Amino acid sequence: MRPTKSPLQAMALYSAILSQLVGSVLIGLFTGMWLDEQFGTAPLFLIIFLLAGLALGVWAMLQTVRKFESGDQ
């Protein structure tokens, strides 16, 4: 039987997931907006970097959950 995780560890996991997803999406959003402003390509870079930020955020979230589930701290 696996040892149970404490509620504080679960809160830390949720906080890490939230910060990774929100942070990567915001970085992609602002980078895309800045590049669109520099090159005058209205929503092109915004969409590309927003989707890339979302994909990287989901990837980072999966890595964090796998690490948490395996017991590595």
PDB file of N, CA and C in Angstrom:
ATOM      1  N   MET A   1       0.837  -1.180   0.000  1.00  0.00           N
ATOM      2  CA  MET A   1       0.000   0.000   0.000  1.00  0.00           C
ATOM      3  C   MET A   1       0.878   1.238   0.000  1.00  0.00           C
ATOM      4  N   ARG A   2       0.505   2.232  -0.821  1.00  0.00           N
ATOM      5  CA  ARG A   2       1.284   3.467  -0.919  1.00  0.00           C
ATOM      6  C   ARG A   2       1.009   4.357   0.282  1.00  0.00           C
ATOM      7  N   PRO A   3       2.055   5.031   0.765  1.00  0.00           N
ATOM      8  CA  PRO A   3       1.811   5.986   1.841  1.00  0.00           C
ATOM      9  C   PRO A   3       1.006   7.172   1.308  1.00  0.00           C
ATOM     10  N   THR A   4       0.130   7.698   2.148  1.00  0.00           N
ATOM     11  CA  THR A   4      -0.699   8.817   1.712  1.00  0.00           C
ATOM     12  C   THR A   4       0.114  10.103   1.719  1.00  0.00           C
ATOM     13  N   LYS A   5      -0.238  10.985   0.819  1.00  0.00           N
ATOM     14  CA  LYS A   5       0.423  12.287   0.737  1.00  0.00           C
ATOM     15  C   LYS A   5      -0.304  13.249   1.669  1.00  0.00           C
ATOM     16  N   SER A   6       0.444  14.170   2.225  1.00  0.00           N
ATOM     17  CA  SER A   6      -0.179  15.132   3.132  1.00  0.00           C
ATOM     18  C   SER A   6      -0.937  16.186   2.331  1.00  0.00           C
ATOM     19  N   PRO A   7      -1.908  16.835   2.958  1.00  0.00           N
ATOM     20  CA  PRO A   7      -2.648  17.890   2.253  1.00  0.00           C
ATOM     21  C   PRO A   7      -1.743  19.036   1.798  1.00  0.00           C
ATOM     22  N   LEU A   8      -0.682  19.300   2.532  1.00  0.00           N
ATOM     23  CA  LEU A   8       0.235  20.362   2.131  1.00  0.00           C
ATOM     24  C   LEU A   8       0.973  20.010   0.850  1.00  0.00           C
ATOM     25  N   GLN A   9       1.293  18.742   0.675  1.00  0.00           N
ATOM     26  CA  GLN A   9       1.939  18.315  -0.565  1.00  0.00           C
ATOM     27  C   GLN A   9       0.985  18.448  -1.742  1.00  0.00           C
ATOM     28  N   ALA A  10      -0.276  18.153  -1.529  1.00  0.00           N
ATOM     29  CA  ALA A  10      -1.267  18.312  -2.594  1.00  0.00           C
ATOM     30  C   ALA A  10      -1.440  19.782  -2.952  1.00  0.00           C
ATOM     31  N   MET A  11      -1.453  20.647  -1.947  1.00  0.00           N
ATOM     32  CA  MET A  11      -1.561  22.079  -2.211  1.00  0.00           C
ATOM     33  C   MET A  11      -0.348  22.585  -2.976  1.00  0.00           C
ATOM     34  N   ALA A  12       0.825  22.074  -2.639  1.00  0.00           N
ATOM     35  CA  ALA A  12       2.041  22.466  -3.358  1.00  0.00           C
ATOM     36  C   ALA A  12       1.969  22.006  -4.811  1.00  0.00           C
ATOM     37  N   LEU A  13       1.444  20.810  -5.045  1.00  0.00           N
ATOM     38  CA  LEU A  13       1.293  20.306  -6.412  1.00  0.00           C
ATOM     39  C   LEU A  13       0.332  21.183  -7.198  1.00  0.00           C
ATOM     40  N   TYR A  14      -0.808  21.518  -6.616  1.00  0.00           N
ATOM     41  CA  TYR A  14      -1.784  22.368  -7.307  1.00  0.00           C
ATOM     42  C   TYR A  14      -1.211  23.748  -7.593  1.00  0.00           C
ATOM     43  N   SER A  15      -0.454  24.282  -6.660  1.00  0.00           N
ATOM     44  CA  SER A  15       0.163  25.597  -6.867  1.00  0.00           C
ATOM     45  C   SER A  15       1.184  25.552  -7.993  1.00  0.00           C
ATOM     46  N   ALA A  16       1.970  24.488  -8.043  1.00  0.00           N
ATOM     47  CA  ALA A  16       2.971  24.346  -9.100  1.00  0.00           C
ATOM     48  C   ALA A  16       2.303  24.209 -10.466  1.00  0.00           C
ATOM     49  N   ILE A  17       1.239  23.416 -10.530  1.00  0.00           N
ATOM     50  CA  ILE A  17       0.523  23.242 -11.793  1.00  0.00           C
ATOM     51  C   ILE A  17      -0.073  24.568 -12.250  1.00  0.00           C
ATOM     52  N   LEU A  18      -0.721  25.272 -11.339  1.00  0.00           N
ATOM     53  CA  LEU A  18      -1.338  26.548 -11.692  1.00  0.00           C
ATOM     54  C   LEU A  18      -0.311  27.555 -12.178  1.00  0.00           C
ATOM     55  N   SER A  19       0.798  27.664 -11.467  1.00  0.00           N
ATOM     56  CA  SER A  19       1.806  28.646 -11.863  1.00  0.00           C
ATOM     57  C   SER A  19       2.459  28.281 -13.190  1.00  0.00           C
ATOM     58  N   GLN A  20       2.664  26.999 -13.454  1.00  0.00           N
ATOM     59  CA  GLN A  20       3.255  26.592 -14.725  1.00  0.00           C
ATOM     60  C   GLN A  20       2.322  26.873 -15.893  1.00  0.00           C
ATOM     61  N   LEU A  21       1.054  26.544 -15.732  1.00  0.00           N
ATOM     62  CA  LEU A  21       0.113  26.779 -16.825  1.00  0.00           C
ATOM     63  C   LEU A  21      -0.103  28.266 -17.077  1.00  0.00           C
ATOM     64  N   VAL A  22      -0.381  29.009 -16.022  1.00  0.00           N
ATOM     65  CA  VAL A  22      -0.648  30.435 -16.178  1.00  0.00           C
ATOM     66  C   VAL A  22       0.605  31.169 -16.653  1.00  0.00           C
ATOM     67  N   GLY A  23       1.741  30.842 -16.077  1.00  0.00           N
ATOM     68  CA  GLY A  23       2.979  31.509 -16.449  1.00  0.00           C
ATOM     69  C   GLY A  23       3.356  31.282 -17.898  1.00  0.00           C
ATOM     70  N   SER A  24       3.263  30.049 -18.353  1.00  0.00           N
ATOM     71  CA  SER A  24       3.653  29.766 -19.737  1.00  0.00           C
ATOM     72  C   SER A  24       2.678  30.398 -20.727  1.00  0.00           C
ATOM     73  N   VAL A  25       1.389  30.403 -20.412  1.00  0.00           N
ATOM     74  CA  VAL A  25       0.417  31.035 -21.299  1.00  0.00           C
ATOM     75  C   VAL A  25       0.638  32.547 -21.339  1.00  0.00           C
ATOM     76  N   LEU A  26       0.884  33.166 -20.191  1.00  0.00           N
ATOM     77  CA  LEU A  26       1.113  34.612 -20.164  1.00  0.00           C
ATOM     78  C   LEU A  26       2.395  35.002 -20.896  1.00  0.00           C
ATOM     79  N   ILE A  27       3.443  34.217 -20.726  1.00  0.00           N
ATOM     80  CA  ILE A  27       4.690  34.502 -21.445  1.00  0.00           C
ATOM     81  C   ILE A  27       4.467  34.385 -22.949  1.00  0.00           C
ATOM     82  N   GLY A  28       3.756  33.341 -23.387  1.00  0.00           N
ATOM     83  CA  GLY A  28       3.445  33.203 -24.810  1.00  0.00           C
ATOM     84  C   GLY A  28       2.576  34.337 -25.314  1.00  0.00           C
ATOM     85  N   LEU A  29       1.610  34.746 -24.513  1.00  0.00           N
ATOM     86  CA  LEU A  29       0.708  35.827 -24.902  1.00  0.00           C
ATOM     87  C   LEU A  29       1.462  37.142 -25.098  1.00  0.00           C
ATOM     88  N   PHE A  30       2.257  37.529 -24.097  1.00  0.00           N
ATOM     89  CA  PHE A  30       2.953  38.803 -24.186  1.00  0.00           C
ATOM     90  C   PHE A  30       4.080  38.786 -25.219  1.00  0.00           C
ATOM     91  N   THR A  31       4.733  37.647 -25.386  1.00  0.00           N
ATOM     92  CA  THR A  31       5.757  37.547 -26.426  1.00  0.00           C
ATOM     93  C   THR A  31       5.127  37.681 -27.808  1.00  0.00           C
ATOM     94  N   GLY A  32       4.001  37.009 -28.019  1.00  0.00           N
ATOM     95  CA  GLY A  32       3.312  37.114 -29.297  1.00  0.00           C
ATOM     96  C   GLY A  32       2.811  38.518 -29.577  1.00  0.00           C
ATOM     97  N   MET A  33       2.277  39.178 -28.563  1.00  0.00           N
ATOM     98  CA  MET A  33       1.813  40.554 -28.745  1.00  0.00           C
ATOM     99  C   MET A  33       2.975  41.478 -29.085  1.00  0.00           C
ATOM    100  N   TRP A  34       4.097  41.288 -28.412  1.00  0.00           N
ATOM    101  CA  TRP A  34       5.258  42.137 -28.659  1.00  0.00           C
ATOM    102  C   TRP A  34       5.797  41.927 -30.078  1.00  0.00           C
ATOM    103  N   LEU A  35       5.894  40.661 -30.490  1.00  0.00           N
ATOM    104  CA  LEU A  35       6.386  40.379 -31.840  1.00  0.00           C
ATOM    105  C   LEU A  35       5.426  40.908 -32.902  1.00  0.00           C
ATOM    106  N   ASP A  36       4.132  40.792 -32.670  1.00  0.00           N
ATOM    107  CA  ASP A  36       3.163  41.348 -33.621  1.00  0.00           C
ATOM    108  C   ASP A  36       3.308  42.855 -33.725  1.00  0.00           C
ATOM    109  N   GLU A  37       3.573  43.497 -32.605  1.00  0.00           N
ATOM    110  CA  GLU A  37       3.769  44.955 -32.623  1.00  0.00           C
ATOM    111  C   GLU A  37       5.034  45.332 -33.383  1.00  0.00           C
ATOM    112  N   GLN A  38       6.083  44.541 -33.214  1.00  0.00           N
ATOM    113  CA  GLN A  38       7.352  44.831 -33.877  1.00  0.00           C
ATOM    114  C   GLN A  38       7.263  44.641 -35.389  1.00  0.00           C
ATOM    115  N   PHE A  39       6.580  43.599 -35.841  1.00  0.00           N
ATOM    116  CA  PHE A  39       6.548  43.254 -37.259  1.00  0.00           C
ATOM    117  C   PHE A  39       5.244  43.632 -37.953  1.00  0.00           C
ATOM    118  N   GLY A  40       4.245  44.099 -37.201  1.00  0.00           N
ATOM    119  CA  GLY A  40       2.970  44.485 -37.795  1.00  0.00           C
ATOM    120  C   GLY A  40       2.183  43.326 -38.372  1.00  0.00           C
ATOM    121  N   THR A  41       2.245  42.189 -37.714  1.00  0.00           N
ATOM    122  CA  THR A  41       1.567  40.980 -38.199  1.00  0.00           C
ATOM    123  C   THR A  41       0.415  40.610 -37.279  1.00  0.00           C
ATOM    124  N   ALA A  42      -0.485  41.540 -37.091  1.00  0.00           N
ATOM    125  CA  ALA A  42      -1.566  41.497 -36.098  1.00  0.00           C
ATOM    126  C   ALA A  42      -1.693  40.204 -35.287  1.00  0.00           C
ATOM    127  N   PRO A  43      -2.540  39.247 -35.577  1.00  0.00           N
ATOM    128  CA  PRO A  43      -2.662  38.171 -34.592  1.00  0.00           C
ATOM    129  C   PRO A  43      -1.779  36.946 -34.858  1.00  0.00           C
ATOM    130  N   LEU A  44      -0.890  37.005 -35.838  1.00  0.00           N
ATOM    131  CA  LEU A  44      -0.136  35.817 -36.235  1.00  0.00           C
ATOM    132  C   LEU A  44       0.738  35.278 -35.102  1.00  0.00           C
ATOM    133  N   PHE A  45       1.672  36.091 -34.617  1.00  0.00           N
ATOM    134  CA  PHE A  45       2.573  35.620 -33.569  1.00  0.00           C
ATOM    135  C   PHE A  45       1.846  35.415 -32.246  1.00  0.00           C
ATOM    136  N   LEU A  46       0.799  36.189 -32.013  1.00  0.00           N
ATOM    137  CA  LEU A  46      -0.001  36.017 -30.800  1.00  0.00           C
ATOM    138  C   LEU A  46      -0.574  34.611 -30.741  1.00  0.00           C
ATOM    139  N   ILE A  47      -1.165  34.174 -31.827  1.00  0.00           N
ATOM    140  CA  ILE A  47      -1.758  32.835 -31.865  1.00  0.00           C
ATOM    141  C   ILE A  47      -0.690  31.759 -31.753  1.00  0.00           C
ATOM    142  N   ILE A  48       0.407  31.924 -32.490  1.00  0.00           N
ATOM    143  CA  ILE A  48       1.478  30.914 -32.474  1.00  0.00           C
ATOM    144  C   ILE A  48       2.070  30.765 -31.077  1.00  0.00           C
ATOM    145  N   PHE A  49       2.425  31.877 -30.455  1.00  0.00           N
ATOM    146  CA  PHE A  49       3.069  31.814 -29.151  1.00  0.00           C
ATOM    147  C   PHE A  49       2.095  31.468 -28.039  1.00  0.00           C
ATOM    148  N   LEU A  50       0.837  31.810 -28.182  1.00  0.00           N
ATOM    149  CA  LEU A  50      -0.166  31.423 -27.200  1.00  0.00           C
ATOM    150  C   LEU A  50      -0.349  29.914 -27.199  1.00  0.00           C
ATOM    151  N   LEU A  51      -0.436  29.323 -28.377  1.00  0.00           N
ATOM    152  CA  LEU A  51      -0.561  27.865 -28.472  1.00  0.00           C
ATOM    153  C   LEU A  51       0.714  27.157 -28.004  1.00  0.00           C
ATOM    154  N   ALA A  52       1.868  27.740 -28.338  1.00  0.00           N
ATOM    155  CA  ALA A  52       3.131  27.151 -27.886  1.00  0.00           C
ATOM    156  C   ALA A  52       3.238  27.228 -26.356  1.00  0.00           C
ATOM    157  N   GLY A  53       2.830  28.349 -25.785  1.00  0.00           N
ATOM    158  CA  GLY A  53       2.856  28.491 -24.331  1.00  0.00           C
ATOM    159  C   GLY A  53       1.920  27.512 -23.652  1.00  0.00           C
ATOM    160  N   LEU A  54       0.749  27.310 -24.236  1.00  0.00           N
ATOM    161  CA  LEU A  54      -0.197  26.345 -23.686  1.00  0.00           C
ATOM    162  C   LEU A  54       0.368  24.929 -23.760  1.00  0.00           C
ATOM    163  N   ALA A  55       0.961  24.584 -24.888  1.00  0.00           N
ATOM    164  CA  ALA A  55       1.545  23.245 -25.043  1.00  0.00           C
ATOM    165  C   ALA A  55       2.689  23.023 -24.061  1.00  0.00           C
ATOM    166  N   LEU A  56       3.555  24.016 -23.905  1.00  0.00           N
ATOM    167  CA  LEU A  56       4.659  23.874 -22.947  1.00  0.00           C
ATOM    168  C   LEU A  56       4.154  23.818 -21.511  1.00  0.00           C
ATOM    169  N   GLY A  57       3.103  24.551 -21.219  1.00  0.00           N
ATOM    170  CA  GLY A  57       2.517  24.508 -19.884  1.00  0.00           C
ATOM    171  C   GLY A  57       1.940  23.145 -19.563  1.00  0.00           C
ATOM    172  N   VAL A  58       1.255  22.549 -20.519  1.00  0.00           N
ATOM    173  CA  VAL A  58       0.695  21.202 -20.311  1.00  0.00           C
ATOM    174  C   VAL A  58       1.820  20.191 -20.166  1.00  0.00           C
ATOM    175  N   TRP A  59       2.857  20.316 -20.978  1.00  0.00           N
ATOM    176  CA  TRP A  59       4.005  19.403 -20.861  1.00  0.00           C
ATOM    177  C   TRP A  59       4.667  19.522 -19.484  1.00  0.00           C
ATOM    178  N   ALA A  60       4.876  20.744 -19.016  1.00  0.00           N
ATOM    179  CA  ALA A  60       5.485  20.956 -17.705  1.00  0.00           C
ATOM    180  C   ALA A  60       4.585  20.425 -16.594  1.00  0.00           C
ATOM    181  N   MET A  61       3.274  20.590 -16.754  1.00  0.00           N
ATOM    182  CA  MET A  61       2.331  20.073 -15.769  1.00  0.00           C
ATOM    183  C   MET A  61       2.418  18.553 -15.691  1.00  0.00           C
ATOM    184  N   LEU A  62       2.474  17.897 -16.837  1.00  0.00           N
ATOM    185  CA  LEU A  62       2.578  16.437 -16.846  1.00  0.00           C
ATOM    186  C   LEU A  62       3.869  15.964 -16.192  1.00  0.00           C
ATOM    187  N   GLN A  63       4.967  16.669 -16.440  1.00  0.00           N
ATOM    188  CA  GLN A  63       6.239  16.315 -15.804  1.00  0.00           C
ATOM    189  C   GLN A  63       6.155  16.472 -14.285  1.00  0.00           C
ATOM    190  N   THR A  64       5.508  17.524 -13.833  1.00  0.00           N
ATOM    191  CA  THR A  64       5.361  17.767 -12.400  1.00  0.00           C
ATOM    192  C   THR A  64       4.511  16.682 -11.750  1.00  0.00           C
ATOM    193  N   VAL A  65       3.405  16.317 -12.388  1.00  0.00           N
ATOM    194  CA  VAL A  65       2.527  15.287 -11.837  1.00  0.00           C
ATOM    195  C   VAL A  65       3.242  13.942 -11.806  1.00  0.00           C
ATOM    196  N   ARG A  66       3.980  13.622 -12.866  1.00  0.00           N
ATOM    197  CA  ARG A  66       4.741  12.355 -12.868  1.00  0.00           C
ATOM    198  C   ARG A  66       5.767  12.320 -11.745  1.00  0.00           C
ATOM    199  N   LYS A  67       6.448  13.430 -11.533  1.00  0.00           N
ATOM    200  CA  LYS A  67       7.441  13.496 -10.460  1.00  0.00           C
ATOM    201  C   LYS A  67       6.769  13.354  -9.106  1.00  0.00           C
ATOM    202  N   PHE A  68       5.626  13.977  -8.925  1.00  0.00           N
ATOM    203  CA  PHE A  68       4.896  13.901  -7.665  1.00  0.00           C
ATOM    204  C   PHE A  68       4.416  12.479  -7.410  1.00  0.00           C
ATOM    205  N   GLU A  69       3.877  11.826  -8.441  1.00  0.00           N
ATOM    206  CA  GLU A  69       3.350  10.479  -8.300  1.00  0.00           C
ATOM    207  C   GLU A  69       4.447   9.445  -8.049  1.00  0.00           C
ATOM    208  N   SER A  70       5.645   9.683  -8.607  1.00  0.00           N
ATOM    209  CA  SER A  70       6.722   8.713  -8.420  1.00  0.00           C
ATOM    210  C   SER A  70       7.356   8.834  -7.040  1.00  0.00           C
ATOM    211  N   GLY A  71       7.107   9.922  -6.354  1.00  0.00           N
ATOM    212  CA  GLY A  71       7.641  10.091  -5.012  1.00  0.00           C
ATOM    213  C   GLY A  71       8.937  10.835  -4.951  1.00  0.00           C
ATOM    214  N   ASP A  72       9.502  11.248  -6.110  1.00  0.00           N
ATOM    215  CA  ASP A  72      10.717  12.041  -6.112  1.00  0.00           C
ATOM    216  C   ASP A  72      10.415  13.424  -5.592  1.00  0.00           C
ATOM    217  N   GLN A  73      11.242  13.902  -4.717  1.00  0.00           N
ATOM    218  CA  GLN A  73      11.006  15.241  -4.159  1.00  0.00           C
ATOM    219  C   GLN A  73      12.134  16.149  -4.480  1.00  0.00           C
TER     220      GLN A  73
END
